[in-house]
N, C-alpha and C. Protein backbone atom coordinates (compact mmCIF):
# COMPACT_ATOMS: atom_id res chain seq x y z
N UNK A 1 142.09 122.32 140.95
CA UNK A 1 141.15 121.12 139.98
C UNK A 1 140.32 120.60 141.30
N UNK A 2 140.48 120.73 142.55
CA UNK A 2 139.60 120.05 143.60
C UNK A 2 138.37 121.17 144.00
N UNK A 3 138.80 122.58 143.54
CA UNK A 3 137.88 123.57 143.85
C UNK A 3 136.82 123.69 142.81
N UNK A 4 137.31 123.28 141.49
CA UNK A 4 136.36 123.18 140.31
C UNK A 4 135.42 121.78 140.85
N UNK A 5 136.09 120.78 141.03
CA UNK A 5 135.28 119.73 141.53
C UNK A 5 134.07 120.02 142.48
N UNK A 6 134.64 120.70 143.56
CA UNK A 6 133.58 121.29 144.55
C UNK A 6 132.46 122.18 143.95
N UNK A 7 132.77 122.86 143.03
CA UNK A 7 131.51 123.77 142.44
C UNK A 7 130.83 123.02 141.57
N UNK A 8 131.29 121.93 140.95
CA UNK A 8 130.29 121.21 140.06
C UNK A 8 129.44 120.24 141.09
N UNK A 9 130.24 119.82 142.15
CA UNK A 9 129.30 119.23 143.11
C UNK A 9 128.28 119.92 143.78
N UNK A 10 128.66 121.06 144.13
CA UNK A 10 127.76 122.04 144.86
C UNK A 10 126.70 122.21 143.98
N UNK A 11 127.07 122.57 142.62
CA UNK A 11 125.82 122.87 141.63
C UNK A 11 125.08 121.58 141.28
N UNK A 12 125.26 120.38 141.44
CA UNK A 12 124.57 119.19 141.54
C UNK A 12 123.72 119.16 142.60
N UNK A 13 124.21 119.52 143.91
CA UNK A 13 123.32 119.30 145.00
C UNK A 13 122.54 120.76 144.88
N UNK A 14 122.76 121.70 144.32
CA UNK A 14 121.75 122.92 144.34
C UNK A 14 120.47 122.36 143.26
N UNK A 15 121.09 121.44 142.15
CA UNK A 15 120.11 121.05 141.44
C UNK A 15 119.12 120.15 141.76
N UNK A 16 119.78 118.96 142.78
CA UNK A 16 119.13 118.22 143.30
C UNK A 16 117.93 119.01 144.37
N UNK A 17 118.20 120.02 145.13
CA UNK A 17 117.37 120.63 145.71
C UNK A 17 116.41 121.14 144.86
N UNK A 18 116.80 121.54 143.83
CA UNK A 18 115.59 122.41 143.15
C UNK A 18 114.40 121.26 142.64
N UNK A 19 115.12 120.15 142.47
CA UNK A 19 114.25 118.90 142.21
C UNK A 19 113.17 118.68 143.24
N UNK A 20 113.71 118.84 144.52
CA UNK A 20 112.70 118.86 145.60
C UNK A 20 111.73 119.97 145.69
N UNK A 21 112.14 121.16 145.44
CA UNK A 21 111.03 121.98 145.30
C UNK A 21 109.95 121.93 144.25
N UNK A 22 110.77 121.31 142.94
CA UNK A 22 109.78 120.97 141.79
C UNK A 22 108.72 119.93 142.30
N UNK A 23 109.34 119.10 143.08
CA UNK A 23 108.27 118.09 143.83
C UNK A 23 107.15 118.58 144.33
N UNK A 24 107.73 119.58 145.37
CA UNK A 24 106.84 120.12 146.18
C UNK A 24 105.67 120.86 145.14
N UNK A 25 106.30 121.64 144.46
CA UNK A 25 105.13 122.43 143.65
C UNK A 25 104.50 121.53 142.55
N UNK A 26 104.80 120.52 142.01
CA UNK A 26 103.98 119.79 141.54
C UNK A 26 102.88 119.04 142.12
N UNK A 27 103.36 118.45 143.44
CA UNK A 27 102.33 117.74 144.33
C UNK A 27 101.06 119.01 144.70
N UNK A 28 101.59 120.07 144.96
CA UNK A 28 100.47 120.95 145.26
C UNK A 28 99.73 121.43 143.80
N UNK A 29 100.20 121.25 142.98
CA UNK A 29 99.30 121.59 141.58
C UNK A 29 98.46 120.50 141.37
N UNK A 30 99.15 119.29 141.82
CA UNK A 30 98.21 118.02 141.41
C UNK A 30 96.98 117.93 142.58
N UNK A 31 97.34 118.24 143.96
CA UNK A 31 96.36 118.49 144.93
C UNK A 31 95.26 119.32 144.55
N UNK A 32 95.65 120.63 144.20
CA UNK A 32 94.63 121.44 144.09
C UNK A 32 94.03 121.17 142.72
N UNK A 33 94.54 120.75 141.70
CA UNK A 33 93.93 120.47 140.25
C UNK A 33 92.89 119.14 140.48
N UNK A 34 93.20 118.30 141.19
CA UNK A 34 92.43 117.09 141.70
C UNK A 34 90.81 117.66 142.25
N UNK A 35 91.31 118.64 143.17
CA UNK A 35 90.08 119.41 144.04
C UNK A 35 89.26 120.25 143.17
N UNK A 36 89.57 120.86 141.89
CA UNK A 36 89.07 121.58 140.96
C UNK A 36 88.55 120.62 139.83
N UNK A 37 88.83 119.54 139.91
CA UNK A 37 88.39 118.40 138.69
C UNK A 37 89.07 118.75 137.49
N UNK A 38 90.40 119.18 137.51
CA UNK A 38 91.33 119.47 136.55
C UNK A 38 92.12 117.90 136.24
N UNK A 39 92.42 118.02 135.04
CA UNK A 39 93.18 116.79 134.62
C UNK A 39 94.63 116.98 134.99
N UNK A 40 95.10 116.25 135.80
CA UNK A 40 96.58 116.34 136.21
C UNK A 40 97.41 115.13 136.10
N UNK A 41 96.76 114.12 135.14
CA UNK A 41 97.47 113.08 134.91
C UNK A 41 99.06 113.07 134.42
N UNK A 42 99.71 112.55 134.56
CA UNK A 42 101.20 112.28 134.19
C UNK A 42 102.08 113.06 134.98
N UNK A 43 101.52 114.06 136.25
CA UNK A 43 102.26 114.59 137.00
C UNK A 43 103.07 113.61 138.00
N UNK A 44 102.22 112.56 138.16
CA UNK A 44 103.07 111.26 139.20
C UNK A 44 104.59 111.09 138.55
N UNK A 45 104.32 110.71 137.21
CA UNK A 45 105.45 110.18 136.50
C UNK A 45 106.65 111.32 136.57
N UNK A 46 106.20 112.50 136.63
CA UNK A 46 107.38 113.72 136.55
C UNK A 46 107.79 113.74 137.87
N UNK A 47 107.00 113.63 138.72
CA UNK A 47 107.29 113.69 140.24
C UNK A 47 108.35 112.57 140.68
N UNK A 48 107.99 111.37 140.30
CA UNK A 48 108.82 110.32 140.24
C UNK A 48 110.35 110.37 139.57
N UNK A 49 110.31 110.79 138.66
CA UNK A 49 111.75 111.30 138.03
C UNK A 49 112.40 112.37 138.77
N UNK A 50 111.76 113.38 139.16
CA UNK A 50 112.29 114.38 139.91
C UNK A 50 112.90 113.87 141.47
N UNK A 51 112.08 112.80 142.02
CA UNK A 51 112.49 112.19 143.31
C UNK A 51 114.02 111.52 142.80
N UNK A 52 114.03 110.91 141.87
CA UNK A 52 115.26 110.03 141.52
C UNK A 52 116.31 111.06 141.30
N UNK A 53 115.71 111.93 140.51
CA UNK A 53 117.11 113.17 140.21
C UNK A 53 117.53 113.97 141.40
N UNK A 54 116.77 114.23 142.37
CA UNK A 54 116.99 114.86 143.62
C UNK A 54 118.00 113.91 144.40
N UNK A 55 117.70 112.68 144.54
CA UNK A 55 118.43 111.80 145.26
C UNK A 55 119.85 111.44 144.57
N UNK A 56 119.89 111.29 143.33
CA UNK A 56 121.26 111.04 142.82
C UNK A 56 122.25 112.26 142.65
N UNK A 57 121.63 113.32 142.32
CA UNK A 57 122.55 114.71 142.02
C UNK A 57 122.75 115.23 143.37
N UNK A 58 122.13 114.75 144.39
CA UNK A 58 122.61 115.27 145.67
C UNK A 58 123.68 114.47 146.33
N UNK A 59 123.90 113.07 145.82
CA UNK A 59 124.70 112.03 146.56
C UNK A 59 126.05 112.60 146.85
N UNK A 60 126.83 113.16 145.79
CA UNK A 60 128.07 113.39 146.22
C UNK A 60 128.28 114.87 147.08
N UNK A 61 127.33 115.81 147.05
CA UNK A 61 127.47 116.95 147.87
C UNK A 61 127.20 116.40 149.20
N UNK A 62 126.24 115.39 149.56
CA UNK A 62 125.87 114.84 151.03
C UNK A 62 127.21 114.25 151.41
N UNK A 63 127.81 113.52 150.48
CA UNK A 63 129.06 112.88 150.80
C UNK A 63 129.98 113.95 151.15
N UNK A 64 130.23 114.80 150.54
CA UNK A 64 131.61 115.73 150.79
C UNK A 64 131.15 116.48 152.13
N UNK A 65 129.80 116.81 152.49
CA UNK A 65 129.57 117.71 153.53
C UNK A 65 129.36 116.49 154.87
N UNK A 66 129.58 115.20 154.83
CA UNK A 66 129.43 114.34 156.15
C UNK A 66 128.13 114.08 156.10
N UNK A 67 127.31 113.99 155.37
CA UNK A 67 125.75 113.64 155.43
C UNK A 67 125.44 112.24 155.27
N UNK A 68 126.65 111.30 154.73
CA UNK A 68 126.19 109.84 154.66
C UNK A 68 126.44 109.10 155.94
N UNK A 69 125.79 108.02 156.01
CA UNK A 69 126.09 107.39 157.21
C UNK A 69 127.50 106.75 157.34
N UNK A 70 128.11 106.91 158.58
CA UNK A 70 129.48 106.45 158.53
C UNK A 70 129.66 105.97 159.95
N UNK A 71 130.59 104.88 160.12
CA UNK A 71 130.83 104.34 161.58
C UNK A 71 131.77 105.29 162.24
N UNK A 72 131.17 106.45 162.65
CA UNK A 72 132.08 107.09 163.62
C UNK A 72 132.45 106.63 164.91
N UNK A 73 131.23 106.00 165.63
CA UNK A 73 131.76 105.60 166.98
C UNK A 73 132.94 104.70 166.93
N UNK A 74 133.15 103.87 165.96
CA UNK A 74 134.43 103.11 165.78
C UNK A 74 135.76 103.91 165.58
N UNK A 75 135.51 104.87 164.46
CA UNK A 75 136.47 105.72 163.96
C UNK A 75 137.21 106.58 165.33
N UNK A 76 135.95 106.96 165.88
CA UNK A 76 136.56 107.87 167.01
C UNK A 76 137.35 107.57 168.23
N UNK A 77 137.30 106.00 168.32
CA UNK A 77 137.92 105.27 169.42
C UNK A 77 139.45 105.08 168.90
N UNK A 78 139.67 105.18 167.71
CA UNK A 78 140.94 104.59 167.12
C UNK A 78 141.98 105.60 167.23
N UNK A 79 143.31 105.15 167.32
CA UNK A 79 144.50 106.06 167.08
C UNK A 79 144.40 106.60 165.91
N UNK A 80 145.12 107.83 165.37
CA UNK A 80 145.02 108.49 164.24
C UNK A 80 145.82 107.78 163.16
N UNK A 81 146.69 106.86 163.65
CA UNK A 81 147.37 105.99 162.74
C UNK A 81 146.57 105.02 162.23
N UNK A 82 145.80 104.33 163.07
CA UNK A 82 144.98 103.13 162.70
C UNK A 82 143.63 103.83 162.10
N UNK A 83 143.32 104.81 162.44
CA UNK A 83 142.09 105.28 161.99
C UNK A 83 142.32 105.89 160.36
N UNK A 84 143.33 106.19 159.90
CA UNK A 84 143.80 106.57 158.67
C UNK A 84 143.79 105.19 157.86
N UNK A 85 144.16 104.11 158.38
CA UNK A 85 144.07 102.95 157.69
C UNK A 85 142.55 102.38 157.36
N UNK A 86 141.75 102.39 158.59
CA UNK A 86 140.56 102.28 158.46
C UNK A 86 139.78 103.09 157.44
N UNK A 87 139.86 104.44 157.42
CA UNK A 87 139.58 105.35 156.88
C UNK A 87 140.02 104.96 154.97
N UNK A 88 141.36 104.78 154.89
CA UNK A 88 141.68 104.37 153.52
C UNK A 88 141.03 103.26 152.94
N UNK A 89 140.96 101.98 153.81
CA UNK A 89 140.11 100.97 153.19
C UNK A 89 138.63 101.20 152.94
N UNK A 90 137.97 102.13 153.94
CA UNK A 90 136.48 102.22 153.68
C UNK A 90 136.39 102.99 152.17
N UNK A 91 137.33 104.00 152.32
CA UNK A 91 137.23 104.76 150.75
C UNK A 91 137.72 103.76 149.78
N UNK A 92 138.53 103.06 149.89
CA UNK A 92 138.98 102.11 148.77
C UNK A 92 137.52 101.27 148.37
N UNK A 93 137.23 100.65 149.18
CA UNK A 93 135.62 99.83 149.06
C UNK A 93 134.82 100.69 148.45
N UNK A 94 134.51 102.14 149.01
CA UNK A 94 133.49 102.86 148.32
C UNK A 94 133.81 103.25 146.66
N UNK A 95 134.97 103.60 146.90
CA UNK A 95 135.52 104.02 145.11
C UNK A 95 135.16 102.54 144.34
N UNK A 96 135.48 101.41 144.84
CA UNK A 96 135.18 100.33 143.68
C UNK A 96 133.60 100.10 143.63
N UNK A 97 133.03 100.22 144.85
CA UNK A 97 131.63 100.13 144.79
C UNK A 97 130.87 101.07 143.90
N UNK A 98 131.12 102.26 144.18
CA UNK A 98 130.79 103.43 143.17
C UNK A 98 131.26 103.31 142.01
N UNK A 99 132.31 102.96 141.66
CA UNK A 99 132.63 102.76 140.15
C UNK A 99 131.89 101.82 139.31
N UNK A 100 131.76 100.59 140.39
CA UNK A 100 130.67 99.80 139.54
C UNK A 100 129.29 100.41 139.51
N UNK A 101 128.74 101.17 140.27
CA UNK A 101 127.47 101.70 140.38
C UNK A 101 127.63 102.78 139.10
N UNK A 102 128.62 103.53 138.95
CA UNK A 102 128.69 104.50 137.79
C UNK A 102 128.76 103.74 136.37
N UNK A 103 129.53 102.57 136.36
CA UNK A 103 129.70 102.20 135.10
C UNK A 103 128.22 101.41 135.07
N UNK A 104 127.55 100.75 135.76
CA UNK A 104 126.26 100.09 135.58
C UNK A 104 125.23 101.28 135.18
N UNK A 105 125.31 102.17 135.81
CA UNK A 105 124.25 103.26 135.44
C UNK A 105 124.46 103.55 133.98
N UNK A 106 125.65 104.10 133.70
CA UNK A 106 126.04 104.38 132.37
C UNK A 106 125.58 103.39 131.09
N UNK A 107 125.99 102.04 131.50
CA UNK A 107 125.61 101.09 130.55
C UNK A 107 124.12 100.91 130.49
N UNK A 108 123.46 101.01 131.66
CA UNK A 108 122.14 100.83 131.54
C UNK A 108 121.39 102.09 130.64
N UNK A 109 121.80 103.09 131.12
CA UNK A 109 121.29 104.38 130.31
C UNK A 109 121.61 104.27 128.88
N UNK A 110 122.79 104.06 128.75
CA UNK A 110 123.15 103.94 127.09
C UNK A 110 122.53 102.95 126.48
N UNK A 111 121.76 101.72 126.92
CA UNK A 111 121.14 100.83 126.40
C UNK A 111 119.75 101.49 126.07
N UNK A 112 119.02 102.35 127.09
CA UNK A 112 117.93 102.99 126.75
C UNK A 112 117.98 103.68 125.62
N UNK A 113 119.23 104.46 125.48
CA UNK A 113 119.30 105.24 124.29
C UNK A 113 119.36 104.80 123.11
N UNK A 114 120.01 103.74 123.11
CA UNK A 114 120.38 102.92 121.92
C UNK A 114 119.13 102.35 121.40
N UNK A 115 118.20 101.64 122.35
CA UNK A 115 117.12 100.66 121.79
C UNK A 115 115.80 102.03 121.80
N UNK A 116 116.30 103.29 121.96
CA UNK A 116 114.94 104.16 121.78
C UNK A 116 114.02 103.83 122.69
N UNK A 117 114.33 103.54 123.93
CA UNK A 117 113.24 102.96 124.85
C UNK A 117 112.36 104.12 125.26
N UNK A 118 111.26 104.12 125.56
CA UNK A 118 110.36 105.30 125.84
C UNK A 118 109.63 104.93 127.21
N UNK A 119 109.63 106.06 128.00
CA UNK A 119 108.85 105.69 129.23
C UNK A 119 107.50 105.00 129.07
N UNK A 120 106.97 104.51 129.97
CA UNK A 120 105.74 103.81 129.84
C UNK A 120 104.66 104.15 130.56
N UNK A 121 104.83 105.31 130.90
CA UNK A 121 103.79 106.20 131.90
C UNK A 121 102.98 107.05 131.15
N UNK A 122 102.22 107.94 131.70
CA UNK A 122 101.31 108.82 130.88
C UNK A 122 102.04 109.83 130.14
N UNK A 123 103.38 110.20 130.76
CA UNK A 123 104.38 111.15 129.88
C UNK A 123 105.27 110.38 129.10
N UNK A 124 105.31 110.43 128.11
CA UNK A 124 105.91 109.30 126.95
C UNK A 124 107.09 110.40 126.61
N UNK A 125 108.32 110.17 127.25
CA UNK A 125 109.49 110.59 126.76
C UNK A 125 110.83 109.60 126.42
N UNK A 126 111.80 109.87 125.99
CA UNK A 126 112.82 108.78 126.11
C UNK A 126 113.17 108.70 127.49
N UNK A 127 113.41 107.22 127.83
CA UNK A 127 113.65 107.10 129.16
C UNK A 127 115.20 107.49 129.67
N UNK A 128 115.97 107.58 128.96
CA UNK A 128 117.01 107.87 129.04
C UNK A 128 117.41 109.43 129.68
N UNK A 129 116.67 110.12 129.54
CA UNK A 129 116.70 111.60 129.69
C UNK A 129 116.53 111.55 131.22
N UNK A 130 115.54 110.89 132.22
CA UNK A 130 115.45 111.14 133.14
C UNK A 130 116.57 110.17 134.00
N UNK A 131 116.95 108.90 133.22
CA UNK A 131 117.89 108.02 133.64
C UNK A 131 119.35 108.77 133.83
N UNK A 132 119.48 109.69 133.18
CA UNK A 132 120.78 110.74 133.00
C UNK A 132 121.17 111.24 134.41
N UNK A 133 120.16 111.77 134.87
CA UNK A 133 120.64 112.02 136.36
C UNK A 133 121.23 111.19 137.20
N UNK A 134 120.70 110.00 136.93
CA UNK A 134 121.56 108.47 137.97
C UNK A 134 122.88 108.51 137.25
N UNK A 135 123.31 108.65 136.11
CA UNK A 135 124.44 108.62 135.68
C UNK A 135 125.49 109.87 136.26
N UNK A 136 124.74 111.09 136.03
CA UNK A 136 125.68 112.02 136.31
C UNK A 136 125.98 112.01 137.90
N UNK A 137 125.01 111.78 138.81
CA UNK A 137 125.02 111.57 140.08
C UNK A 137 126.07 110.62 140.58
N UNK A 138 126.11 109.44 139.81
CA UNK A 138 126.78 108.40 140.15
C UNK A 138 128.33 108.81 140.13
N UNK A 139 128.53 109.41 138.75
CA UNK A 139 129.97 109.74 138.09
C UNK A 139 130.49 110.85 139.33
N UNK A 140 129.62 111.69 139.66
CA UNK A 140 129.95 112.94 140.55
C UNK A 140 130.47 112.16 142.10
N UNK A 141 129.56 111.28 142.55
CA UNK A 141 129.84 110.64 143.73
C UNK A 141 131.28 109.81 143.69
N UNK A 142 131.52 109.23 142.52
CA UNK A 142 132.74 108.55 142.27
C UNK A 142 133.95 109.30 142.53
N UNK A 143 133.72 110.71 141.50
CA UNK A 143 134.74 111.62 141.57
C UNK A 143 134.93 112.26 143.12
N UNK A 144 133.79 112.39 143.90
CA UNK A 144 134.17 112.90 145.28
C UNK A 144 134.79 111.70 146.17
N UNK A 145 134.39 110.31 145.82
CA UNK A 145 135.24 109.55 146.75
C UNK A 145 136.71 109.25 146.57
N UNK A 146 136.84 109.46 145.14
CA UNK A 146 138.43 109.50 144.79
C UNK A 146 139.02 110.69 145.31
N UNK A 147 138.56 111.82 145.52
CA UNK A 147 139.17 112.85 145.75
C UNK A 147 139.61 112.73 147.23
N UNK A 148 138.49 112.24 148.05
CA UNK A 148 138.79 111.94 149.47
C UNK A 148 139.77 110.95 149.57
N UNK A 149 139.72 110.02 149.05
CA UNK A 149 140.66 108.93 148.84
C UNK A 149 142.16 109.55 148.75
N UNK A 150 142.26 110.61 147.94
CA UNK A 150 143.70 110.87 147.69
C UNK A 150 143.96 111.98 148.79
N UNK A 151 143.03 112.67 149.23
CA UNK A 151 143.37 113.57 150.35
C UNK A 151 143.84 112.36 151.51
N UNK A 152 143.07 111.51 152.00
CA UNK A 152 143.58 110.60 153.05
C UNK A 152 144.92 109.89 152.76
N UNK A 153 145.05 109.52 151.43
CA UNK A 153 146.39 109.02 151.15
C UNK A 153 147.65 110.10 151.32
N UNK A 154 147.39 111.07 150.97
CA UNK A 154 148.52 112.12 151.40
C UNK A 154 148.35 112.73 152.59
N UNK A 155 147.81 112.18 153.46
CA UNK A 155 147.98 112.57 154.76
C UNK A 155 146.99 113.37 155.45
N UNK A 156 145.96 113.92 154.60
CA UNK A 156 145.11 114.88 154.85
C UNK A 156 143.91 114.49 155.53
N UNK A 157 143.06 115.53 156.21
CA UNK A 157 141.85 114.87 156.77
C UNK A 157 140.61 115.18 155.80
N UNK A 158 139.85 114.07 155.73
CA UNK A 158 138.82 113.85 154.56
C UNK A 158 138.08 115.11 154.91
N UNK A 159 137.50 115.77 153.72
CA UNK A 159 136.52 116.79 154.14
C UNK A 159 135.05 116.71 154.37
N UNK A 160 134.85 115.61 154.52
CA UNK A 160 133.40 115.27 155.08
C UNK A 160 134.00 115.20 156.81
N UNK A 161 135.11 114.64 157.04
CA UNK A 161 135.40 114.91 158.48
C UNK A 161 135.63 116.39 159.07
N UNK A 162 136.05 117.18 157.98
CA UNK A 162 136.29 118.58 158.56
C UNK A 162 134.89 119.37 158.73
N UNK A 163 133.82 118.69 157.71
CA UNK A 163 132.63 119.52 157.84
C UNK A 163 132.05 119.13 158.96
N UNK A 164 132.21 117.76 159.59
CA UNK A 164 131.61 117.24 160.81
C UNK A 164 131.93 117.91 161.99
N UNK A 165 133.16 118.14 161.86
CA UNK A 165 133.97 118.92 163.09
C UNK A 165 133.79 120.21 163.09
N UNK A 166 133.38 120.94 161.82
CA UNK A 166 133.07 122.40 161.90
C UNK A 166 131.63 122.54 162.51
N UNK A 167 130.77 121.68 162.12
CA UNK A 167 129.57 121.74 162.52
C UNK A 167 129.38 121.72 164.10
N UNK A 168 130.14 120.44 164.70
CA UNK A 168 130.55 120.22 166.16
C UNK A 168 130.94 121.44 166.90
N UNK A 169 131.74 122.17 166.09
CA UNK A 169 132.32 123.40 166.95
C UNK A 169 131.51 124.41 167.02
N UNK A 170 130.52 124.51 166.01
CA UNK A 170 129.59 125.50 165.92
C UNK A 170 128.37 125.07 166.98
N UNK A 171 128.48 123.93 167.58
CA UNK A 171 127.17 123.50 168.36
C UNK A 171 126.18 122.60 167.88
N UNK A 172 126.47 122.17 166.46
CA UNK A 172 125.56 121.55 165.58
C UNK A 172 125.86 120.26 165.65
N UNK A 173 124.81 119.57 166.52
CA UNK A 173 124.96 117.84 166.70
C UNK A 173 124.09 117.20 165.83
N UNK A 174 123.07 118.25 165.03
CA UNK A 174 121.72 117.71 164.39
C UNK A 174 121.99 116.35 163.53
N UNK A 175 123.30 116.45 162.89
CA UNK A 175 123.52 115.16 161.94
C UNK A 175 123.96 113.92 162.85
N UNK A 176 124.36 113.87 163.87
CA UNK A 176 124.36 112.90 164.80
C UNK A 176 123.22 112.24 165.62
N UNK A 177 122.27 112.70 165.17
CA UNK A 177 120.98 112.13 165.74
C UNK A 177 120.35 111.23 165.01
């Protein structure tokens, strides 16, 4: 089941990366279009939606690969037993916080769907469509946090810690800068 979750999270991360590429392409089109006096109105709305999608779809992937901000300076100084306690408490706090985020995002998006709320920019579409990336990203982050919490509770090393250790073993300290 963990492998399946990893595949889903990796797919969401890839989709987030595709959103970044789409942002790049749309910004180039908008820039060239303006120089050629072509109408490019509405592209800013789409770029904004892709920005949000890129951020939220990639959250779980970034978390699992150790790319979230963590207080490693403190954790590295602790004994393994105390570190596990701190790691567990941190993951419980994260799980509760992200569960609230996921619930709120779902509730907010559901209201937009129920009331048939439309986007107010130049591109008029049901606003729940771009908001859905917020919901999916939040639930995936919750699943990733809960998975890491179970790993720590079972006495294992969290995946994000293993990812950082692997990068350091390969001589890559770029994430520490």
